[in-house]
Amino acid sequence: MVEALTRHIWSKVLGFPSTRSVHVRGTTSERAKNPILLLSLDFSAAAMKIAAFNVQKFGKNKVSDPDVLKILVKIVSRYDIIVILEVVDISGESVKVFMETLNKSNRKHHYTLKISSRLGRTRYKEQFMFLYRDDLVDLVGSHQFDDEGTESGDVFARDPYILRFRCLNTVLKDLVLIPVHTKPEDSEKELDELYDVFLHVKKKWRTDNVMILGDFNADGAYVSQKEMKGIRIRSDPSFHWLIGDEVDTTASTGNDHTYDRIVVYGDDMLHAVVPDSAKPFNFQTAYRLSDEQTLNVSDHYPVEVELRAAEQQYDGPAAACEEALLELKRGNLLLEREKLNLEIQVLRMKMEKRKRGDDV
């Protein structure tokens, strides 16, 4: 109770976000004897986990299977921001069911949805679906890129749907995510065009804190190593490819290709990444699934990365400390008053009960 009250007080008095963890020094008995221990606090937060996941035709068939739905919820719950690729349900019912199940399973925090329009040149269309914890990030911008107005013309089968976030607890306060799901036979051309998408975003939002993530289809028969060298976001040394070429991002036993990638731009973004955190999440191994169970979920693994938390200590001025201590004392008095009121109510009930007994 004391720690909870302390978190509330310091968030109000010192202006730190309520989502920050508060580490209170001293044991419970020590804090009770010496409240001043409460005034030396370490504000910290966990690293932010971001992922992209090609769920392979996310729709009614996925969410109507209880086992698949349970696994998908478990996977998504690992992340603070995740973009789901290949959402194909025209009705939107599968998205609704998934969101309801996801938030019922996560009672301590809440996920918000941001989804693109249906994208594609043919009758077959897909959507990009972002899910994010709204206690950790604020959505400050969204943009549907349209390549038909560019010099290159219609390059993307599915134009990127780009989101911009304000991050509350990471070393980077501004973050732009560009999701990718290339058409396999056009992967080289689409990946090269992402350089122009980056320039467009940089000019539009005046930031270069950009992460490109998703299913690049940049391996195997689709893009050769020679072709990779000609792709601008690959040849430009300012772009950092966090998933190595030797990493298997597929759940399929038929290949070990690196289809799924995470790319960040610039040194600021690179330094914000937790070392060795960029990798596929092998949910088959983690959840001990059979090949059949795994492929019922997807033929891809999610690819994930962590951004470093903003660590911050506060040694406030005397006035702030005195105000916080005064607020704490007020809180303790309120608790004592509530306790006394409850005791009075109990005594009154006992007296009424005895009185009724005497009357009989």
Foldseek 3Di string as FASTA:
>chain_A
DLVVLLLVLCCVLVVAASPWDKDQDDDPVVCVVPVLSRLWIWTADFWAKEWEEAQDAQDDLQCVDPLSLVLVLVVVVVHQKYKYWNHFYPVCVSVVSSQVVNCVVPVPFHKDKDKDDWFFDDPGTIIIIMIHTPSFKDWDDKDFDDCCPDPVHPQARGTWIKTWIQGRWFPDRIEIETEDDGDQQSLLVVQLCVVVVQVVCCVVPVDQFYKYWYFSNCDDPRHDPVSQCVRVLNVPPQKDKPEDQQQAFWLDPPDRGDRITMIGGHDVNVVQWDPPFWHFDPVCVVVVHDSVSVVSRHRGTMTMTTGHTDIDTDDDDPVSSVVSVVSSVVVVVVVVVVVVVVVVVVVVVVVVVVVVVVVD
